[in-house]
Amino acid sequence: MGRRRPPLRHTRRVLQVLAVVVVLVLVVLTLAYVFQRRLVYLPSSGPVPAAATVLPGARDVRLTTDDGLALGAWYLPATGRDLGVTVLVAPGNAGDRSMRAQLAGALAARGMSVLLFDYRGYGGNPGDPSEAGLALDVRAARSYLVDELGVPPERLVYFGESLGAAVVTGLATEHPPGGLLLRSPFTSLADVGAKHFPFLPVRLLLKDRFPLAEQIREVRVPTVVVYGSADSVVPREQSRTVARVAGGPVTSIEEPGADHNDPELFDGPRLVDAAARLSERVAG
């Protein structure tokens, strides 16, 4: 006797289930593609207070991007022994510049002038963040320091925090600074995304790439990489890779037991010391 064919009703049910699964997968992928930047960029809501109310001695400044946006920023002159070095701080993907006020104060007390700025869409700024947009924003920050304040490019230190590490590394390939400090850098945004969303084809869907490890190979300036050994956002192996492939002389500092958003990696003493030593080297 021949093998019995499955009932037609059963076959239809299987096909219906498969169709539902396919539709659900397509919906999830579509939503992930359309709303991905809401997962990457996490600005705080509302405007940022006046600089002097949060950071004594700082002043509010405006940065103008090449595409015509006016961005808010704070400039804090050195309050300690002036090294003649200015630190351009590119923040991570969350919050606003007020969250970096303690860092700026600590750097200024060690003799560095500091520029804190917010990307488009952050801190009450107009626009929507994207990889191309953030590149324009950090260029505007550098232009303010070099063209308006007259800071010599070789007396600039770029300080990039997490996502900001990729932003300043991209800037450094076009406009090399005197030194580069990368806090919790990833190898690329795709690598981080694939780590956290292994069930999604992140490399296929991702709009913004931030290929930090690829770009840092071209940067020949003194570079410091600071990262936490317990980082749950950017795996420490990625930060170590960034340090290993950097094109310039590198100092690597691992903060034992520190997670991505722990105080040690925001304005901790080892981080500030590393910035001060790099600035002293830049100052000559």
C-alpha atoms as a PDB file:
ATOM      1  CA  MET A   1       0.000   0.000   0.000  1.00  0.00           C
ATOM      2  CA  GLY A   2       1.251   3.537  -0.750  1.00  0.00           C
ATOM      3  CA  ARG A   3       1.972   6.127   1.927  1.00  0.00           C
ATOM      4  CA  ARG A   4      -1.091   8.083   2.944  1.00  0.00           C
ATOM      5  CA  ARG A   5      -1.031  11.752   2.037  1.00  0.00           C
ATOM      6  CA  PRO A   6      -1.618  14.177   4.904  1.00  0.00           C
ATOM      7  CA  PRO A   7      -5.106  15.553   5.029  1.00  0.00           C
ATOM      8  CA  LEU A   8      -5.567  18.724   3.021  1.00  0.00           C
ATOM      9  CA  ARG A   9      -6.858  20.503   6.134  1.00  0.00           C
ATOM     10  CA  HIS A  10      -3.583  19.774   7.963  1.00  0.00           C
ATOM     11  CA  THR A  11      -1.501  21.049   5.064  1.00  0.00           C
ATOM     12  CA  ARG A  12      -3.465  24.259   4.958  1.00  0.00           C
ATOM     13  CA  ARG A  13      -3.000  24.750   8.694  1.00  0.00           C
ATOM     14  CA  VAL A  14       0.770  24.327   8.379  1.00  0.00           C
ATOM     15  CA  LEU A  15       0.891  26.827   5.536  1.00  0.00           C
ATOM     16  CA  GLN A  16      -1.171  29.300   7.547  1.00  0.00           C
ATOM     17  CA  VAL A  17       1.171  29.000  10.523  1.00  0.00           C
ATOM     18  CA  LEU A  18       4.195  29.492   8.282  1.00  0.00           C
ATOM     19  CA  ALA A  19       2.583  32.533   6.700  1.00  0.00           C
ATOM     20  CA  VAL A  20       1.929  34.073  10.118  1.00  0.00           C
ATOM     21  CA  VAL A  21       5.539  33.435  11.168  1.00  0.00           C
ATOM     22  CA  VAL A  22       6.860  35.040   7.994  1.00  0.00           C
ATOM     23  CA  VAL A  23       4.637  38.080   8.478  1.00  0.00           C
ATOM     24  CA  LEU A  24       5.738  38.467  12.100  1.00  0.00           C
ATOM     25  CA  VAL A  25       9.400  38.231  11.138  1.00  0.00           C
ATOM     26  CA  LEU A  26       8.919  40.849   8.420  1.00  0.00           C
ATOM     27  CA  VAL A  27       7.099  43.145  10.860  1.00  0.00           C
ATOM     28  CA  VAL A  28       9.890  42.821  13.450  1.00  0.00           C
ATOM     29  CA  LEU A  29      12.584  43.502  10.850  1.00  0.00           C
ATOM     30  CA  THR A  30      10.670  46.468   9.454  1.00  0.00           C
ATOM     31  CA  LEU A  31      10.182  47.987  12.900  1.00  0.00           C
ATOM     32  CA  ALA A  32      13.842  47.390  13.763  1.00  0.00           C
ATOM     33  CA  TYR A  33      14.914  49.146  10.576  1.00  0.00           C
ATOM     34  CA  VAL A  34      12.527  52.084  10.862  1.00  0.00           C
ATOM     35  CA  PHE A  35      13.000  52.791  14.572  1.00  0.00           C
ATOM     36  CA  GLN A  36      16.626  51.743  15.047  1.00  0.00           C
ATOM     37  CA  ARG A  37      17.905  55.259  15.687  1.00  0.00           C
ATOM     38  CA  ARG A  38      15.595  55.503  18.698  1.00  0.00           C
ATOM     39  CA  LEU A  39      17.541  52.605  20.161  1.00  0.00           C
ATOM     40  CA  VAL A  40      20.927  54.131  19.361  1.00  0.00           C
ATOM     41  CA  TYR A  41      20.401  57.796  20.267  1.00  0.00           C
ATOM     42  CA  LEU A  42      18.943  58.522  23.706  1.00  0.00           C
ATOM     43  CA  PRO A  43      18.878  62.284  24.303  1.00  0.00           C
ATOM     44  CA  SER A  44      17.492  63.785  27.477  1.00  0.00           C
ATOM     45  CA  SER A  45      14.329  65.801  27.026  1.00  0.00           C
ATOM     46  CA  GLY A  46      14.097  69.534  27.439  1.00  0.00           C
ATOM     47  CA  PRO A  47      16.659  72.341  27.358  1.00  0.00           C
ATOM     48  CA  VAL A  48      19.922  72.432  29.268  1.00  0.00           C
ATOM     49  CA  PRO A  49      20.329  75.099  32.016  1.00  0.00           C
ATOM     50  CA  ALA A  50      22.710  78.005  31.660  1.00  0.00           C
ATOM     51  CA  ALA A  51      26.361  76.987  31.922  1.00  0.00           C
ATOM     52  CA  ALA A  52      27.235  79.128  34.947  1.00  0.00           C
ATOM     53  CA  THR A  53      24.404  77.623  37.017  1.00  0.00           C
ATOM     54  CA  VAL A  54      25.851  74.149  36.650  1.00  0.00           C
ATOM     55  CA  LEU A  55      29.551  74.734  36.060  1.00  0.00           C
ATOM     56  CA  PRO A  56      31.036  77.831  37.730  1.00  0.00           C
ATOM     57  CA  GLY A  57      33.274  79.769  35.366  1.00  0.00           C
ATOM     58  CA  ALA A  58      31.773  78.224  32.234  1.00  0.00           C
ATOM     59  CA  ARG A  59      29.964  80.185  29.564  1.00  0.00           C
ATOM     60  CA  ASP A  60      27.315  79.307  27.007  1.00  0.00           C
ATOM     61  CA  VAL A  61      28.454  79.302  23.388  1.00  0.00           C
ATOM     62  CA  ARG A  62      26.820  78.497  20.048  1.00  0.00           C
ATOM     63  CA  LEU A  63      28.202  76.229  17.372  1.00  0.00           C
ATOM     64  CA  THR A  64      27.075  76.493  13.752  1.00  0.00           C
ATOM     65  CA  THR A  65      27.136  73.373  11.609  1.00  0.00           C
ATOM     66  CA  ASP A  66      27.738  73.275   7.878  1.00  0.00           C
ATOM     67  CA  ASP A  67      24.083  72.395   7.342  1.00  0.00           C
ATOM     68  CA  GLY A  68      22.934  75.457   9.256  1.00  0.00           C
ATOM     69  CA  LEU A  69      22.062  74.165  12.724  1.00  0.00           C
ATOM     70  CA  ALA A  70      22.846  76.158  15.876  1.00  0.00           C
ATOM     71  CA  LEU A  71      24.017  73.852  18.669  1.00  0.00           C
ATOM     72  CA  GLY A  72      24.361  74.657  22.357  1.00  0.00           C
ATOM     73  CA  ALA A  73      27.717  74.170  24.082  1.00  0.00           C
ATOM     74  CA  TRP A  74      29.635  75.169  27.207  1.00  0.00           C
ATOM     75  CA  TYR A  75      33.186  76.459  27.267  1.00  0.00           C
ATOM     76  CA  LEU A  76      35.178  76.275  30.500  1.00  0.00           C
ATOM     77  CA  PRO A  77      38.653  77.876  30.650  1.00  0.00           C
ATOM     78  CA  ALA A  78      41.372  76.133  32.627  1.00  0.00           C
ATOM     79  CA  THR A  79      41.156  76.886  36.339  1.00  0.00           C
ATOM     80  CA  GLY A  80      44.384  75.185  37.399  1.00  0.00           C
ATOM     81  CA  ARG A  81      47.880  75.685  36.014  1.00  0.00           C
ATOM     82  CA  ASP A  82      47.062  76.387  32.365  1.00  0.00           C
ATOM     83  CA  LEU A  83      48.671  73.798  30.095  1.00  0.00           C
ATOM     84  CA  GLY A  84      47.579  75.672  27.012  1.00  0.00           C
ATOM     85  CA  VAL A  85      45.616  72.591  25.898  1.00  0.00           C
ATOM     86  CA  THR A  86      41.907  72.443  25.135  1.00  0.00           C
ATOM     87  CA  VAL A  87      39.857  69.260  25.419  1.00  0.00           C
ATOM     88  CA  LEU A  88      36.962  68.785  23.017  1.00  0.00           C
ATOM     89  CA  VAL A  89      34.555  66.355  24.716  1.00  0.00           C
ATOM     90  CA  ALA A  90      32.289  64.311  22.424  1.00  0.00           C
ATOM     91  CA  PRO A  91      29.630  62.648  24.598  1.00  0.00           C
ATOM     92  CA  GLY A  92      28.132  59.202  24.385  1.00  0.00           C
ATOM     93  CA  ASN A  93      24.672  58.373  23.105  1.00  0.00           C
ATOM     94  CA  ALA A  94      22.645  59.388  26.170  1.00  0.00           C
ATOM     95  CA  GLY A  95      21.801  62.483  28.191  1.00  0.00           C
ATOM     96  CA  ASP A  96      23.197  65.953  27.600  1.00  0.00           C
ATOM     97  CA  ARG A  97      26.240  68.068  28.442  1.00  0.00           C
ATOM     98  CA  SER A  98      25.107  68.781  31.998  1.00  0.00           C
ATOM     99  CA  MET A  99      25.904  65.130  32.807  1.00  0.00           C
ATOM    100  CA  ARG A 100      29.552  65.820  31.898  1.00  0.00           C
ATOM    101  CA  ALA A 101      29.891  68.924  34.091  1.00  0.00           C
ATOM    102  CA  GLN A 102      31.906  67.124  36.790  1.00  0.00           C
ATOM    103  CA  LEU A 103      34.289  65.775  34.168  1.00  0.00           C
ATOM    104  CA  ALA A 104      34.781  69.254  32.722  1.00  0.00           C
ATOM    105  CA  GLY A 105      35.426  70.706  36.174  1.00  0.00           C
ATOM    106  CA  ALA A 106      37.969  68.015  36.983  1.00  0.00           C
ATOM    107  CA  LEU A 107      39.806  68.534  33.688  1.00  0.00           C
ATOM    108  CA  ALA A 108      39.824  72.318  34.110  1.00  0.00           C
ATOM    109  CA  ALA A 109      41.256  71.988  37.615  1.00  0.00           C
ATOM    110  CA  ARG A 110      44.156  70.053  36.062  1.00  0.00           C
ATOM    111  CA  GLY A 111      44.946  72.873  33.646  1.00  0.00           C
ATOM    112  CA  MET A 112      42.873  72.041  30.574  1.00  0.00           C
ATOM    113  CA  SER A 113      40.253  74.239  28.975  1.00  0.00           C
ATOM    114  CA  VAL A 114      37.163  72.237  28.015  1.00  0.00           C
ATOM    115  CA  LEU A 115      34.402  72.420  25.422  1.00  0.00           C
ATOM    116  CA  LEU A 116      31.249  70.423  26.179  1.00  0.00           C
ATOM    117  CA  PHE A 117      28.682  70.289  23.397  1.00  0.00           C
ATOM    118  CA  ASP A 118      25.513  68.416  22.531  1.00  0.00           C
ATOM    119  CA  TYR A 119      24.756  66.754  19.232  1.00  0.00           C
ATOM    120  CA  ARG A 120      21.746  67.658  17.124  1.00  0.00           C
ATOM    121  CA  GLY A 121      18.573  66.468  18.820  1.00  0.00           C
ATOM    122  CA  TYR A 122      20.255  66.552  22.248  1.00  0.00           C
ATOM    123  CA  GLY A 123      20.067  69.166  24.980  1.00  0.00           C
ATOM    124  CA  GLY A 124      17.308  71.141  23.278  1.00  0.00           C
ATOM    125  CA  ASN A 125      19.230  71.337  19.992  1.00  0.00           C
ATOM    126  CA  PRO A 126      17.369  71.182  16.674  1.00  0.00           C
ATOM    127  CA  GLY A 127      17.698  68.296  14.238  1.00  0.00           C
ATOM    128  CA  ASP A 128      17.751  64.514  14.416  1.00  0.00           C
ATOM    129  CA  PRO A 129      20.913  62.548  15.234  1.00  0.00           C
ATOM    130  CA  SER A 130      22.602  60.324  12.671  1.00  0.00           C
ATOM    131  CA  GLU A 131      26.155  59.293  11.867  1.00  0.00           C
ATOM    132  CA  ALA A 132      26.504  61.961   9.177  1.00  0.00           C
ATOM    133  CA  GLY A 133      24.868  64.573  11.412  1.00  0.00           C
ATOM    134  CA  LEU A 134      27.157  63.877  14.374  1.00  0.00           C
ATOM    135  CA  ALA A 135      30.157  64.226  12.083  1.00  0.00           C
ATOM    136  CA  LEU A 136      28.964  67.716  11.143  1.00  0.00           C
ATOM    137  CA  ASP A 137      28.362  68.565  14.795  1.00  0.00           C
ATOM    138  CA  VAL A 138      31.851  67.637  15.986  1.00  0.00           C
ATOM    139  CA  ARG A 139      33.388  69.530  13.072  1.00  0.00           C
ATOM    140  CA  ALA A 140      31.452  72.597  14.194  1.00  0.00           C
ATOM    141  CA  ALA A 141      32.838  72.137  17.721  1.00  0.00           C
ATOM    142  CA  ARG A 142      36.406  71.944  16.414  1.00  0.00           C
ATOM    143  CA  SER A 143      35.825  74.929  14.127  1.00  0.00           C
ATOM    144  CA  TYR A 144      34.661  77.025  17.067  1.00  0.00           C
ATOM    145  CA  LEU A 145      37.833  76.254  19.009  1.00  0.00           C
ATOM    146  CA  VAL A 146      40.259  76.684  16.114  1.00  0.00           C
ATOM    147  CA  ASP A 147      38.656  79.430  14.046  1.00  0.00           C
ATOM    148  CA  GLU A 148      36.885  81.516  16.701  1.00  0.00           C
ATOM    149  CA  LEU A 149      39.014  81.002  19.805  1.00  0.00           C
ATOM    150  CA  GLY A 150      42.293  80.561  17.941  1.00  0.00           C
ATOM    151  CA  VAL A 151      43.291  77.274  19.595  1.00  0.00           C
ATOM    152  CA  PRO A 152      46.194  75.730  17.639  1.00  0.00           C
ATOM    153  CA  PRO A 153      45.091  72.328  16.250  1.00  0.00           C
ATOM    154  CA  GLU A 154      48.173  70.683  17.737  1.00  0.00           C
ATOM    155  CA  ARG A 155      47.047  71.892  21.190  1.00  0.00           C
ATOM    156  CA  LEU A 156      43.708  70.103  20.938  1.00  0.00           C
ATOM    157  CA  VAL A 157      42.852  66.836  22.650  1.00  0.00           C
ATOM    158  CA  TYR A 158      39.792  64.977  21.415  1.00  0.00           C
ATOM    159  CA  PHE A 159      38.008  63.139  24.230  1.00  0.00           C
ATOM    160  CA  GLY A 160      35.392  60.659  22.993  1.00  0.00           C
ATOM    161  CA  GLU A 161      33.036  58.838  25.333  1.00  0.00           C
ATOM    162  CA  SER A 162      31.666  55.522  23.979  1.00  0.00           C
ATOM    163  CA  LEU A 163      29.755  56.562  20.831  1.00  0.00           C
ATOM    164  CA  GLY A 164      31.666  59.831  21.011  1.00  0.00           C
ATOM    165  CA  ALA A 165      34.902  57.847  20.666  1.00  0.00           C
ATOM    166  CA  ALA A 166      33.789  56.900  17.164  1.00  0.00           C
ATOM    167  CA  VAL A 167      32.757  60.499  16.457  1.00  0.00           C
ATOM    168  CA  VAL A 168      36.147  61.988  17.379  1.00  0.00           C
ATOM    169  CA  THR A 169      38.064  59.206  15.653  1.00  0.00           C
ATOM    170  CA  GLY A 170      36.285  60.068  12.426  1.00  0.00           C
ATOM    171  CA  LEU A 171      37.168  63.724  13.007  1.00  0.00           C
ATOM    172  CA  ALA A 172      40.804  62.802  13.680  1.00  0.00           C
ATOM    173  CA  THR A 173      41.139  61.166  10.267  1.00  0.00           C
ATOM    174  CA  GLU A 174      40.313  64.552   8.698  1.00  0.00           C
ATOM    175  CA  HIS A 175      41.752  66.952  11.286  1.00  0.00           C
ATOM    176  CA  PRO A 176      44.394  65.273  13.473  1.00  0.00           C
ATOM    177  CA  PRO A 177      44.547  66.656  17.035  1.00  0.00           C
ATOM    178  CA  GLY A 178      47.509  66.796  19.376  1.00  0.00           C
ATOM    179  CA  GLY A 179      46.159  63.764  21.237  1.00  0.00           C
ATOM    180  CA  LEU A 180      43.193  61.432  21.367  1.00  0.00           C
ATOM    181  CA  LEU A 181      41.477  59.899  24.408  1.00  0.00           C
ATOM    182  CA  LEU A 182      38.887  57.205  23.788  1.00  0.00           C
ATOM    183  CA  ARG A 183      36.718  56.088  26.696  1.00  0.00           C
ATOM    184  CA  SER A 184      34.981  52.701  26.244  1.00  0.00           C
ATOM    185  CA  PRO A 185      35.407  52.614  22.464  1.00  0.00           C
ATOM    186  CA  PHE A 186      33.773  49.921  20.354  1.00  0.00           C
ATOM    187  CA  THR A 187      35.214  48.476  17.150  1.00  0.00           C
ATOM    188  CA  SER A 188      32.079  49.451  15.222  1.00  0.00           C
ATOM    189  CA  LEU A 189      28.444  50.101  15.997  1.00  0.00           C
ATOM    190  CA  ALA A 190      27.553  46.987  14.004  1.00  0.00           C
ATOM    191  CA  ASP A 191      29.772  44.876  16.258  1.00  0.00           C
ATOM    192  CA  VAL A 192      28.038  46.200  19.378  1.00  0.00           C
ATOM    193  CA  GLY A 193      24.606  45.774  17.840  1.00  0.00           C
ATOM    194  CA  ALA A 194      25.323  42.193  16.841  1.00  0.00           C
ATOM    195  CA  LYS A 195      26.439  41.474  20.408  1.00  0.00           C
ATOM    196  CA  HIS A 196      23.213  42.763  21.953  1.00  0.00           C
ATOM    197  CA  PHE A 197      20.765  41.669  19.246  1.00  0.00           C
ATOM    198  CA  PRO A 198      22.096  38.324  17.985  1.00  0.00           C
ATOM    199  CA  PHE A 199      18.620  37.353  16.746  1.00  0.00           C
ATOM    200  CA  LEU A 200      18.555  40.242  14.247  1.00  0.00           C
ATOM    201  CA  PRO A 201      20.562  40.709  11.023  1.00  0.00           C
ATOM    202  CA  VAL A 202      22.091  43.869  12.472  1.00  0.00           C
ATOM    203  CA  ARG A 203      24.814  44.271   9.854  1.00  0.00           C
ATOM    204  CA  LEU A 204      22.189  44.181   7.118  1.00  0.00           C
ATOM    205  CA  LEU A 205      19.735  46.563   8.791  1.00  0.00           C
ATOM    206  CA  LEU A 206      22.044  49.138  10.357  1.00  0.00           C
ATOM    207  CA  LYS A 207      21.948  52.661   8.922  1.00  0.00           C
ATOM    208  CA  ASP A 208      24.777  54.151  10.997  1.00  0.00           C
ATOM    209  CA  ARG A 209      28.062  52.227  11.070  1.00  0.00           C
ATOM    210  CA  PHE A 210      30.693  54.214  13.007  1.00  0.00           C
ATOM    211  CA  PRO A 211      33.647  52.020  11.874  1.00  0.00           C
ATOM    212  CA  LEU A 212      35.992  53.123  14.672  1.00  0.00           C
ATOM    213  CA  ALA A 213      38.564  50.310  14.472  1.00  0.00           C
ATOM    214  CA  GLU A 214      38.901  50.767  10.732  1.00  0.00           C
ATOM    215  CA  GLN A 215      39.447  54.515  11.083  1.00  0.00           C
ATOM    216  CA  ILE A 216      41.798  54.468  14.091  1.00  0.00           C
ATOM    217  CA  ARG A 217      44.406  52.685  11.992  1.00  0.00           C
ATOM    218  CA  GLU A 218      44.856  55.950  10.081  1.00  0.00           C
ATOM    219  CA  VAL A 219      45.302  58.127  13.175  1.00  0.00           C
ATOM    220  CA  ARG A 220      48.959  58.607  14.123  1.00  0.00           C
ATOM    221  CA  VAL A 221      48.663  60.848  17.185  1.00  0.00           C
ATOM    222  CA  PRO A 222      49.265  59.792  20.821  1.00  0.00           C
ATOM    223  CA  THR A 223      46.178  57.867  21.898  1.00  0.00           C
ATOM    224  CA  VAL A 224      44.840  56.770  25.286  1.00  0.00           C
ATOM    225  CA  VAL A 225      42.192  54.051  25.552  1.00  0.00           C
ATOM    226  CA  VAL A 226      40.313  53.758  28.864  1.00  0.00           C
ATOM    227  CA  TYR A 227      37.738  51.042  29.483  1.00  0.00           C
ATOM    228  CA  GLY A 228      36.089  49.008  32.226  1.00  0.00           C
ATOM    229  CA  SER A 229      36.826  45.347  32.773  1.00  0.00           C
ATOM    230  CA  ALA A 230      33.122  44.676  33.502  1.00  0.00           C
ATOM    231  CA  ASP A 231      31.603  46.758  30.715  1.00  0.00           C
ATOM    232  CA  SER A 232      28.202  45.274  29.851  1.00  0.00           C
ATOM    233  CA  VAL A 233      27.520  47.662  26.960  1.00  0.00           C
ATOM    234  CA  VAL A 234      30.791  47.685  25.032  1.00  0.00           C
ATOM    235  CA  PRO A 235      32.679  44.416  25.572  1.00  0.00           C
ATOM    236  CA  ARG A 236      36.174  45.076  26.863  1.00  0.00           C
ATOM    237  CA  GLU A 237      37.568  42.920  24.051  1.00  0.00           C
ATOM    238  CA  GLN A 238      36.389  45.552  21.571  1.00  0.00           C
ATOM    239  CA  SER A 239      38.135  48.361  23.460  1.00  0.00           C
ATOM    240  CA  ARG A 240      41.292  46.255  23.605  1.00  0.00           C
ATOM    241  CA  THR A 241      41.102  45.711  19.854  1.00  0.00           C
ATOM    242  CA  VAL A 242      40.834  49.465  19.302  1.00  0.00           C
ATOM    243  CA  ALA A 243      43.981  49.985  21.382  1.00  0.00           C
ATOM    244  CA  ARG A 244      45.802  47.236  19.506  1.00  0.00           C
ATOM    245  CA  VAL A 245      45.097  48.528  15.994  1.00  0.00           C
ATOM    246  CA  ALA A 246      45.532  52.274  16.650  1.00  0.00           C
ATOM    247  CA  GLY A 247      48.031  53.875  14.304  1.00  0.00           C
ATOM    248  CA  GLY A 248      49.748  56.084  16.899  1.00  0.00           C
ATOM    249  CA  PRO A 249      51.515  55.396  20.195  1.00  0.00           C
ATOM    250  CA  VAL A 250      48.915  53.973  22.594  1.00  0.00           C
ATOM    251  CA  THR A 251      48.409  53.884  26.337  1.00  0.00           C
ATOM    252  CA  SER A 252      45.744  51.413  27.468  1.00  0.00           C
ATOM    253  CA  ILE A 253      44.088  51.696  30.883  1.00  0.00           C
ATOM    254  CA  GLU A 254      41.661  49.091  32.228  1.00  0.00           C
ATOM    255  CA  GLU A 255      39.484  50.127  35.165  1.00  0.00           C
ATOM    256  CA  PRO A 256      39.004  46.941  37.232  1.00  0.00           C
ATOM    257  CA  GLY A 257      35.377  46.019  37.885  1.00  0.00           C
ATOM    258  CA  ALA A 258      33.983  49.112  36.165  1.00  0.00           C
ATOM    259  CA  ASP A 259      30.811  48.880  34.092  1.00  0.00           C
ATOM    260  CA  HIS A 260      29.990  51.202  31.204  1.00  0.00           C
ATOM    261  CA  ASN A 261      28.177  53.875  33.210  1.00  0.00           C
ATOM    262  CA  ASP A 262      30.069  53.639  36.497  1.00  0.00           C
ATOM    263  CA  PRO A 263      31.503  56.867  37.972  1.00  0.00           C
ATOM    264  CA  GLU A 264      35.078  55.679  37.426  1.00  0.00           C
ATOM    265  CA  LEU A 265      34.510  55.966  33.697  1.00  0.00           C
ATOM    266  CA  PHE A 266      32.694  59.300  33.807  1.00  0.00           C
ATOM    267  CA  ASP A 267      35.071  61.420  35.870  1.00  0.00           C
ATOM    268  CA  GLY A 268      37.127  58.974  37.935  1.00  0.00           C
ATOM    269  CA  PRO A 269      40.659  59.863  39.062  1.00  0.00           C
ATOM    270  CA  ARG A 270      42.426  57.440  36.716  1.00  0.00           C
ATOM    271  CA  LEU A 271      40.485  58.822  33.748  1.00  0.00           C
ATOM    272  CA  VAL A 272      41.264  62.425  34.679  1.00  0.00           C
ATOM    273  CA  ASP A 273      44.915  61.546  35.347  1.00  0.00           C
ATOM    274  CA  ALA A 274      45.133  59.923  31.915  1.00  0.00           C
ATOM    275  CA  ALA A 275      43.722  63.055  30.260  1.00  0.00           C
ATOM    276  CA  ALA A 276      46.128  65.254  32.224  1.00  0.00           C
ATOM    277  CA  ARG A 277      49.166  63.173  31.255  1.00  0.00           C
ATOM    278  CA  LEU A 278      48.123  63.176  27.618  1.00  0.00           C
ATOM    279  CA  SER A 279      47.623  66.958  27.723  1.00  0.00           C
ATOM    280  CA  GLU A 280      51.052  67.471  29.300  1.00  0.00           C
ATOM    281  CA  ARG A 281      52.527  65.419  26.480  1.00  0.00           C
ATOM    282  CA  VAL A 282      50.656  67.496  23.912  1.00  0.00           C
ATOM    283  CA  ALA A 283      51.796  70.713  25.589  1.00  0.00           C
ATOM    284  CA  GLY A 284      55.392  69.536  25.358  1.00  0.00           C
END
